[in-house]
Amino acid sequence: MGYLADIYIIKKTRSKKIVIDFLNHFLPNRKENGEEYWIPEYSDNPTYEFDNANDLMSFLEINKNYSNRIYWKNTDERNPNKHGMIFYLKDGTTIFGISRNADMSGNMNTANEDQCLIEMKKYFNTNLGYIHYENPPVDNYQEFLDILNKLEK
């Protein structure tokens, strides 16, 4: 099994349109990974239940104090973007993620994931992004900025 590089960008938005535009741009051929979504996530007694990502995104766009995550698998094997991810954070921000194959051999060639980060930064017109390997993103905007500060040192 290969390793994945996770490329993350954060935005101060909950716009469903921005999420869908992002997915259509980076992962036009996709299949939703989840079959049901709960709020709170992973709860034994959820307050809200949704059976598709579209309805969940509509809810989270309006209800900014809830967190949740949504994953999609790319159905086009030729596309280097293997998975798309959206992380809605409790502070009203959203992390946009793409997973790509990573070269974890002795060469550690990072050109594939570096290129994706460049493309995502350009797409969102931001410098707020980083790459992690097989690691979920942080839980809030400030923690995201803290990681960026550590990576710059």
N, C-alpha and C. Protein backbone atom coordinates (compact mmCIF):
# COMPACT_ATOMS: atom_id res chain seq x y z
N MET A 1 0.83 -1.18 0.00
CA MET A 1 0.00 0.00 0.00
C MET A 1 0.88 1.24 0.00
N GLY A 2 0.53 2.21 -0.82
CA GLY A 2 1.29 3.44 -0.90
C GLY A 2 0.89 4.43 0.17
N TYR A 3 1.74 5.40 0.34
CA TYR A 3 1.47 6.47 1.29
C TYR A 3 0.79 7.62 0.58
N LEU A 4 0.04 8.39 1.34
CA LEU A 4 -0.64 9.55 0.79
C LEU A 4 -0.10 10.83 1.42
N ALA A 5 0.02 11.84 0.60
CA ALA A 5 0.32 13.19 1.07
C ALA A 5 -1.00 13.92 1.16
N ASP A 6 -1.24 14.59 2.25
CA ASP A 6 -2.46 15.37 2.45
C ASP A 6 -2.11 16.85 2.34
N ILE A 7 -2.75 17.53 1.40
CA ILE A 7 -2.48 18.92 1.13
C ILE A 7 -3.68 19.71 1.64
N TYR A 8 -3.45 20.68 2.53
CA TYR A 8 -4.52 21.40 3.19
C TYR A 8 -4.42 22.91 2.98
N ILE A 9 -5.57 23.52 2.77
CA ILE A 9 -5.74 24.97 2.70
C ILE A 9 -6.88 25.32 3.66
N ILE A 10 -6.76 26.43 4.36
CA ILE A 10 -7.84 26.86 5.27
C ILE A 10 -8.42 28.18 4.78
N LYS A 11 -9.72 28.32 4.92
CA LYS A 11 -10.41 29.55 4.53
C LYS A 11 -11.43 29.90 5.61
N LYS A 12 -11.62 31.19 5.80
CA LYS A 12 -12.65 31.66 6.73
C LYS A 12 -13.96 31.75 5.96
N THR A 13 -14.53 30.59 5.70
CA THR A 13 -15.78 30.49 4.97
C THR A 13 -16.48 29.18 5.32
N ARG A 14 -17.78 29.15 5.10
CA ARG A 14 -18.57 27.92 5.19
C ARG A 14 -19.42 27.79 3.92
N SER A 15 -19.06 28.53 2.89
CA SER A 15 -19.85 28.58 1.67
C SER A 15 -19.92 27.22 0.98
N LYS A 16 -21.12 26.72 0.82
CA LYS A 16 -21.33 25.46 0.11
C LYS A 16 -20.89 25.60 -1.34
N LYS A 17 -21.15 26.76 -1.92
CA LYS A 17 -20.75 26.98 -3.32
C LYS A 17 -19.23 26.87 -3.48
N ILE A 18 -18.47 27.46 -2.56
CA ILE A 18 -17.01 27.39 -2.63
C ILE A 18 -16.54 25.94 -2.49
N VAL A 19 -17.17 25.19 -1.60
CA VAL A 19 -16.82 23.78 -1.44
C VAL A 19 -17.09 23.01 -2.73
N ILE A 20 -18.25 23.18 -3.30
CA ILE A 20 -18.60 22.45 -4.53
C ILE A 20 -17.71 22.89 -5.69
N ASP A 21 -17.42 24.18 -5.80
CA ASP A 21 -16.52 24.66 -6.86
C ASP A 21 -15.13 24.04 -6.70
N PHE A 22 -14.64 23.97 -5.47
CA PHE A 22 -13.35 23.33 -5.19
C PHE A 22 -13.37 21.87 -5.63
N LEU A 23 -14.39 21.14 -5.23
CA LEU A 23 -14.49 19.73 -5.60
C LEU A 23 -14.59 19.55 -7.11
N ASN A 24 -15.39 20.37 -7.76
CA ASN A 24 -15.53 20.28 -9.21
C ASN A 24 -14.22 20.58 -9.94
N HIS A 25 -13.42 21.45 -9.36
CA HIS A 25 -12.15 21.81 -9.98
C HIS A 25 -11.09 20.71 -9.77
N PHE A 26 -10.94 20.25 -8.54
CA PHE A 26 -9.86 19.31 -8.21
C PHE A 26 -10.27 17.84 -8.26
N LEU A 27 -11.55 17.56 -8.16
CA LEU A 27 -12.03 16.17 -8.11
C LEU A 27 -13.37 16.07 -8.84
N PRO A 28 -13.39 16.36 -10.15
CA PRO A 28 -14.67 16.40 -10.86
C PRO A 28 -15.39 15.05 -10.91
N ASN A 29 -14.64 13.97 -10.88
CA ASN A 29 -15.22 12.63 -10.89
C ASN A 29 -15.01 12.01 -9.53
N ARG A 30 -16.04 12.07 -8.71
CA ARG A 30 -15.87 11.66 -7.31
C ARG A 30 -17.07 10.86 -6.82
N LYS A 31 -16.79 10.11 -5.77
CA LYS A 31 -17.84 9.35 -5.08
C LYS A 31 -17.71 9.65 -3.60
N GLU A 32 -18.81 10.00 -3.00
CA GLU A 32 -18.87 10.29 -1.56
C GLU A 32 -18.48 9.03 -0.78
N ASN A 33 -17.64 9.17 0.22
CA ASN A 33 -17.23 8.01 1.03
C ASN A 33 -18.26 7.63 2.08
N GLY A 34 -18.94 8.61 2.66
CA GLY A 34 -19.88 8.33 3.74
C GLY A 34 -21.27 8.01 3.24
N GLU A 35 -22.01 7.30 4.07
CA GLU A 35 -23.41 6.99 3.78
C GLU A 35 -24.36 7.71 4.73
N GLU A 36 -23.82 8.11 5.87
CA GLU A 36 -24.61 8.87 6.84
C GLU A 36 -23.67 9.77 7.63
N TYR A 37 -24.22 10.88 8.05
CA TYR A 37 -23.45 11.88 8.78
C TYR A 37 -24.23 12.29 10.01
N TRP A 38 -23.53 12.35 11.12
CA TRP A 38 -24.17 12.70 12.39
C TRP A 38 -23.56 13.97 12.97
N ILE A 39 -24.39 14.68 13.69
CA ILE A 39 -23.94 15.82 14.48
C ILE A 39 -24.50 15.64 15.87
N PRO A 40 -23.62 15.58 16.89
CA PRO A 40 -22.18 15.58 16.81
C PRO A 40 -21.66 14.32 16.08
N GLU A 41 -20.54 14.52 15.43
CA GLU A 41 -19.91 13.44 14.68
C GLU A 41 -19.56 12.29 15.62
N TYR A 42 -19.79 11.06 15.19
CA TYR A 42 -19.49 9.83 15.94
C TYR A 42 -20.29 9.69 17.23
N SER A 43 -21.40 10.39 17.34
CA SER A 43 -22.22 10.36 18.55
C SER A 43 -23.08 9.10 18.59
N ASP A 44 -23.31 8.59 19.79
CA ASP A 44 -24.27 7.50 19.97
C ASP A 44 -25.70 8.03 19.92
N ASN A 45 -25.87 9.30 20.24
CA ASN A 45 -27.19 9.95 20.22
C ASN A 45 -27.10 11.27 19.45
N PRO A 46 -27.01 11.20 18.12
CA PRO A 46 -26.85 12.44 17.36
C PRO A 46 -28.06 13.35 17.45
N THR A 47 -27.79 14.64 17.44
CA THR A 47 -28.84 15.65 17.43
C THR A 47 -29.43 15.79 16.03
N TYR A 48 -28.55 15.65 15.03
CA TYR A 48 -28.95 15.74 13.62
C TYR A 48 -28.35 14.57 12.86
N GLU A 49 -29.10 14.08 11.87
CA GLU A 49 -28.62 13.00 11.00
C GLU A 49 -28.89 13.37 9.55
N PHE A 50 -27.89 13.10 8.69
CA PHE A 50 -28.02 13.38 7.27
C PHE A 50 -27.59 12.13 6.50
N ASP A 51 -28.23 11.87 5.38
CA ASP A 51 -27.86 10.69 4.61
C ASP A 51 -27.06 11.02 3.36
N ASN A 52 -26.65 12.29 3.21
CA ASN A 52 -25.77 12.64 2.10
C ASN A 52 -25.00 13.92 2.44
N ALA A 53 -23.88 14.08 1.74
CA ALA A 53 -23.00 15.22 2.01
C ALA A 53 -23.65 16.54 1.61
N ASN A 54 -24.45 16.54 0.58
CA ASN A 54 -25.09 17.76 0.11
C ASN A 54 -25.96 18.39 1.21
N ASP A 55 -26.78 17.59 1.86
CA ASP A 55 -27.63 18.11 2.94
C ASP A 55 -26.79 18.55 4.14
N LEU A 56 -25.75 17.79 4.44
CA LEU A 56 -24.86 18.15 5.54
C LEU A 56 -24.18 19.50 5.26
N MET A 57 -23.70 19.69 4.03
CA MET A 57 -23.05 20.95 3.67
C MET A 57 -24.01 22.13 3.80
N SER A 58 -25.26 21.94 3.41
CA SER A 58 -26.26 23.00 3.55
C SER A 58 -26.44 23.37 5.01
N PHE A 59 -26.52 22.37 5.87
CA PHE A 59 -26.68 22.60 7.31
C PHE A 59 -25.46 23.32 7.89
N LEU A 60 -24.26 22.84 7.54
CA LEU A 60 -23.04 23.40 8.12
C LEU A 60 -22.73 24.80 7.61
N GLU A 61 -23.22 25.13 6.43
CA GLU A 61 -23.02 26.48 5.91
C GLU A 61 -23.70 27.51 6.82
N ILE A 62 -24.85 27.14 7.36
CA ILE A 62 -25.63 28.04 8.20
C ILE A 62 -25.25 27.91 9.67
N ASN A 63 -24.98 26.71 10.12
CA ASN A 63 -24.69 26.42 11.53
C ASN A 63 -23.18 26.31 11.73
N LYS A 64 -22.54 27.45 11.91
CA LYS A 64 -21.08 27.54 11.90
C LYS A 64 -20.39 27.02 13.16
N ASN A 65 -21.12 26.71 14.20
CA ASN A 65 -20.48 26.26 15.44
C ASN A 65 -20.36 24.73 15.52
N TYR A 66 -20.77 24.03 14.47
CA TYR A 66 -20.64 22.57 14.44
C TYR A 66 -19.45 22.17 13.58
N SER A 67 -18.80 21.08 13.97
CA SER A 67 -17.70 20.55 13.17
C SER A 67 -18.14 19.24 12.52
N ASN A 68 -17.52 18.94 11.41
CA ASN A 68 -17.76 17.68 10.73
C ASN A 68 -16.75 17.55 9.61
N ARG A 69 -16.66 16.35 9.07
CA ARG A 69 -15.73 16.12 7.97
C ARG A 69 -16.40 15.26 6.91
N ILE A 70 -16.04 15.54 5.66
CA ILE A 70 -16.61 14.80 4.54
C ILE A 70 -15.46 14.39 3.62
N TYR A 71 -15.52 13.16 3.13
CA TYR A 71 -14.48 12.62 2.26
C TYR A 71 -15.10 12.12 0.95
N TRP A 72 -14.35 12.29 -0.14
CA TRP A 72 -14.73 11.76 -1.44
C TRP A 72 -13.55 11.01 -2.02
N LYS A 73 -13.85 9.97 -2.79
CA LYS A 73 -12.82 9.22 -3.52
C LYS A 73 -12.91 9.61 -4.98
N ASN A 74 -11.77 9.78 -5.62
CA ASN A 74 -11.75 10.08 -7.04
C ASN A 74 -12.05 8.80 -7.82
N THR A 75 -12.96 8.88 -8.77
CA THR A 75 -13.29 7.70 -9.59
C THR A 75 -12.49 7.68 -10.88
N ASP A 76 -11.68 8.72 -11.13
CA ASP A 76 -10.81 8.78 -12.31
C ASP A 76 -9.39 8.45 -11.87
N GLU A 77 -8.95 7.23 -12.15
CA GLU A 77 -7.62 6.78 -11.71
C GLU A 77 -6.48 7.59 -12.32
N ARG A 78 -6.71 8.25 -13.45
CA ARG A 78 -5.65 9.03 -14.11
C ARG A 78 -5.41 10.36 -13.40
N ASN A 79 -6.37 10.84 -12.63
CA ASN A 79 -6.23 12.11 -11.93
C ASN A 79 -5.29 11.90 -10.74
N PRO A 80 -4.29 12.77 -10.57
CA PRO A 80 -3.37 12.59 -9.44
C PRO A 80 -4.01 12.85 -8.08
N ASN A 81 -5.15 13.55 -8.06
CA ASN A 81 -5.87 13.81 -6.80
C ASN A 81 -6.70 12.59 -6.45
N LYS A 82 -6.28 11.85 -5.46
CA LYS A 82 -6.92 10.58 -5.12
C LYS A 82 -8.14 10.72 -4.23
N HIS A 83 -8.11 11.70 -3.33
CA HIS A 83 -9.23 11.93 -2.40
C HIS A 83 -9.42 13.42 -2.21
N GLY A 84 -10.66 13.82 -1.98
CA GLY A 84 -10.98 15.18 -1.59
C GLY A 84 -11.55 15.16 -0.18
N MET A 85 -11.26 16.19 0.59
CA MET A 85 -11.68 16.24 1.98
C MET A 85 -12.12 17.66 2.33
N ILE A 86 -13.17 17.74 3.11
CA ILE A 86 -13.62 19.03 3.63
C ILE A 86 -13.78 18.87 5.14
N PHE A 87 -13.15 19.75 5.88
CA PHE A 87 -13.22 19.73 7.34
C PHE A 87 -13.86 21.04 7.80
N TYR A 88 -15.06 20.93 8.33
CA TYR A 88 -15.75 22.09 8.90
C TYR A 88 -15.33 22.19 10.36
N LEU A 89 -14.77 23.32 10.74
CA LEU A 89 -14.27 23.50 12.10
C LEU A 89 -15.24 24.32 12.93
N LYS A 90 -15.19 24.12 14.25
CA LYS A 90 -16.13 24.79 15.16
C LYS A 90 -15.98 26.30 15.19
N ASP A 91 -14.86 26.82 14.69
CA ASP A 91 -14.67 28.27 14.68
C ASP A 91 -15.21 28.92 13.40
N GLY A 92 -15.97 28.15 12.61
CA GLY A 92 -16.61 28.69 11.41
C GLY A 92 -15.73 28.67 10.17
N THR A 93 -14.56 28.09 10.27
CA THR A 93 -13.66 28.01 9.13
C THR A 93 -13.75 26.63 8.49
N THR A 94 -13.13 26.51 7.32
CA THR A 94 -13.15 25.25 6.58
C THR A 94 -11.76 24.93 6.07
N ILE A 95 -11.36 23.68 6.23
CA ILE A 95 -10.12 23.20 5.64
C ILE A 95 -10.49 22.39 4.41
N PHE A 96 -9.84 22.73 3.30
CA PHE A 96 -10.01 22.04 2.03
C PHE A 96 -8.80 21.13 1.84
N GLY A 97 -9.03 19.86 1.55
CA GLY A 97 -7.91 18.93 1.44
C GLY A 97 -7.95 18.08 0.19
N ILE A 98 -6.76 17.75 -0.28
CA ILE A 98 -6.57 16.82 -1.38
C ILE A 98 -5.52 15.81 -0.94
N SER A 99 -5.73 14.54 -1.24
CA SER A 99 -4.71 13.50 -1.01
C SER A 99 -4.14 13.06 -2.34
N ARG A 100 -2.83 12.97 -2.38
CA ARG A 100 -2.11 12.47 -3.55
C ARG A 100 -1.13 11.40 -3.10
N ASN A 101 -0.74 10.54 -4.03
CA ASN A 101 0.27 9.54 -3.73
C ASN A 101 1.57 10.24 -3.36
N ALA A 102 2.27 9.68 -2.39
CA ALA A 102 3.54 10.24 -1.93
C ALA A 102 4.65 9.23 -2.15
N ASP A 103 5.80 9.71 -2.53
CA ASP A 103 7.00 8.88 -2.72
C ASP A 103 7.73 8.82 -1.38
N MET A 104 7.55 7.72 -0.66
CA MET A 104 8.19 7.58 0.65
C MET A 104 9.45 6.72 0.57
N SER A 105 9.98 6.58 -0.65
CA SER A 105 11.23 5.84 -0.80
C SER A 105 12.38 6.70 -0.28
N GLY A 106 13.56 6.22 -0.40
CA GLY A 106 14.73 6.96 0.06
C GLY A 106 14.90 8.30 -0.65
N ASN A 107 14.31 8.42 -1.83
CA ASN A 107 14.45 9.66 -2.60
C ASN A 107 13.61 10.80 -2.04
N MET A 108 12.48 10.47 -1.43
CA MET A 108 11.54 11.48 -0.90
C MET A 108 11.27 12.59 -1.91
N ASN A 109 10.89 12.20 -3.12
CA ASN A 109 10.54 13.18 -4.15
C ASN A 109 9.16 13.73 -3.81
N THR A 110 9.08 15.02 -3.50
CA THR A 110 7.82 15.64 -3.08
C THR A 110 7.20 16.51 -4.18
N ALA A 111 7.67 16.38 -5.41
CA ALA A 111 7.18 17.23 -6.50
C ALA A 111 5.67 17.11 -6.70
N ASN A 112 5.13 15.91 -6.56
CA ASN A 112 3.70 15.67 -6.76
C ASN A 112 2.85 16.48 -5.79
N GLU A 113 3.14 16.37 -4.51
CA GLU A 113 2.36 17.10 -3.51
C GLU A 113 2.70 18.59 -3.50
N ASP A 114 3.96 18.92 -3.78
CA ASP A 114 4.33 20.34 -3.86
C ASP A 114 3.53 21.04 -4.95
N GLN A 115 3.38 20.39 -6.09
CA GLN A 115 2.63 20.97 -7.20
C GLN A 115 1.17 21.18 -6.82
N CYS A 116 0.58 20.22 -6.10
CA CYS A 116 -0.81 20.35 -5.66
C CYS A 116 -0.96 21.53 -4.71
N LEU A 117 -0.03 21.70 -3.78
CA LEU A 117 -0.11 22.83 -2.85
C LEU A 117 -0.04 24.15 -3.61
N ILE A 118 0.83 24.23 -4.59
CA ILE A 118 0.93 25.44 -5.42
C ILE A 118 -0.39 25.70 -6.12
N GLU A 119 -0.98 24.67 -6.71
CA GLU A 119 -2.25 24.81 -7.43
C GLU A 119 -3.38 25.24 -6.49
N MET A 120 -3.43 24.64 -5.29
CA MET A 120 -4.49 24.99 -4.34
C MET A 120 -4.32 26.42 -3.82
N LYS A 121 -3.09 26.82 -3.53
CA LYS A 121 -2.86 28.20 -3.08
C LYS A 121 -3.27 29.19 -4.16
N LYS A 122 -2.94 28.88 -5.39
CA LYS A 122 -3.32 29.76 -6.49
C LYS A 122 -4.84 29.78 -6.65
N TYR A 123 -5.46 28.62 -6.59
CA TYR A 123 -6.92 28.54 -6.75
C TYR A 123 -7.64 29.38 -5.69
N PHE A 124 -7.18 29.30 -4.45
CA PHE A 124 -7.83 30.03 -3.35
C PHE A 124 -7.23 31.41 -3.10
N ASN A 125 -6.18 31.76 -3.84
CA ASN A 125 -5.51 33.05 -3.67
C ASN A 125 -5.10 33.25 -2.21
N THR A 126 -4.32 32.31 -1.70
CA THR A 126 -3.88 32.34 -0.31
C THR A 126 -2.50 31.70 -0.18
N ASN A 127 -1.84 31.98 0.92
CA ASN A 127 -0.59 31.31 1.27
C ASN A 127 -0.79 30.39 2.47
N LEU A 128 -2.02 30.25 2.92
CA LEU A 128 -2.31 29.46 4.12
C LEU A 128 -2.56 28.00 3.77
N GLY A 129 -1.47 27.27 3.56
CA GLY A 129 -1.59 25.86 3.24
C GLY A 129 -0.33 25.11 3.62
N TYR A 130 -0.47 23.81 3.82
CA TYR A 130 0.68 22.97 4.14
C TYR A 130 0.41 21.53 3.71
N ILE A 131 1.47 20.73 3.76
CA ILE A 131 1.40 19.32 3.39
C ILE A 131 1.72 18.49 4.63
N HIS A 132 0.92 17.46 4.85
CA HIS A 132 1.19 16.48 5.90
C HIS A 132 1.13 15.10 5.26
N TYR A 133 1.64 14.11 5.96
CA TYR A 133 1.66 12.75 5.43
C TYR A 133 0.87 11.85 6.36
N GLU A 134 -0.25 11.34 5.82
CA GLU A 134 -1.10 10.41 6.58
C GLU A 134 -1.48 10.99 7.94
N ASN A 135 -1.88 12.26 7.96
CA ASN A 135 -2.15 12.94 9.21
C ASN A 135 -3.34 13.88 9.03
N PRO A 136 -4.37 13.77 9.86
CA PRO A 136 -5.51 14.69 9.71
C PRO A 136 -5.12 16.11 10.09
N PRO A 137 -5.90 17.08 9.62
CA PRO A 137 -5.57 18.48 9.95
C PRO A 137 -5.94 18.83 11.38
N VAL A 138 -5.66 20.05 11.73
CA VAL A 138 -5.91 20.58 13.07
C VAL A 138 -7.40 20.90 13.26
N ASP A 139 -7.75 21.38 14.46
CA ASP A 139 -9.15 21.60 14.81
C ASP A 139 -9.62 23.04 14.73
N ASN A 140 -8.70 24.00 14.50
CA ASN A 140 -9.15 25.39 14.41
C ASN A 140 -8.15 26.23 13.64
N TYR A 141 -8.58 27.43 13.31
CA TYR A 141 -7.80 28.35 12.48
C TYR A 141 -6.45 28.67 13.12
N GLN A 142 -6.44 28.96 14.42
CA GLN A 142 -5.19 29.32 15.08
C GLN A 142 -4.19 28.16 15.07
N GLU A 143 -4.64 26.95 15.30
CA GLU A 143 -3.74 25.79 15.24
C GLU A 143 -3.16 25.62 13.84
N PHE A 144 -3.97 25.90 12.82
CA PHE A 144 -3.49 25.84 11.44
C PHE A 144 -2.35 26.84 11.25
N LEU A 145 -2.55 28.08 11.73
CA LEU A 145 -1.51 29.10 11.62
C LEU A 145 -0.26 28.71 12.42
N ASP A 146 -0.45 28.07 13.56
CA ASP A 146 0.69 27.61 14.37
C ASP A 146 1.52 26.60 13.60
N ILE A 147 0.89 25.69 12.90
CA ILE A 147 1.63 24.72 12.10
C ILE A 147 2.41 25.43 11.00
N LEU A 148 1.76 26.38 10.33
CA LEU A 148 2.47 27.13 9.28
C LEU A 148 3.70 27.84 9.84
N ASN A 149 3.57 28.43 11.02
CA ASN A 149 4.70 29.12 11.65
C ASN A 149 5.84 28.14 11.97
N LYS A 150 5.51 26.95 12.43
CA LYS A 150 6.53 25.94 12.74
C LYS A 150 7.22 25.47 11.47
N LEU A 151 6.45 25.31 10.38
CA LEU A 151 7.03 24.84 9.11
C LEU A 151 7.95 25.88 8.49
N GLU A 152 7.68 27.15 8.75
CA GLU A 152 8.52 28.22 8.17
C GLU A 152 9.85 28.37 8.88
N LYS A 153 9.95 27.85 10.10
CA LYS A 153 11.20 28.00 10.88
C LYS A 153 12.24 27.00 10.45
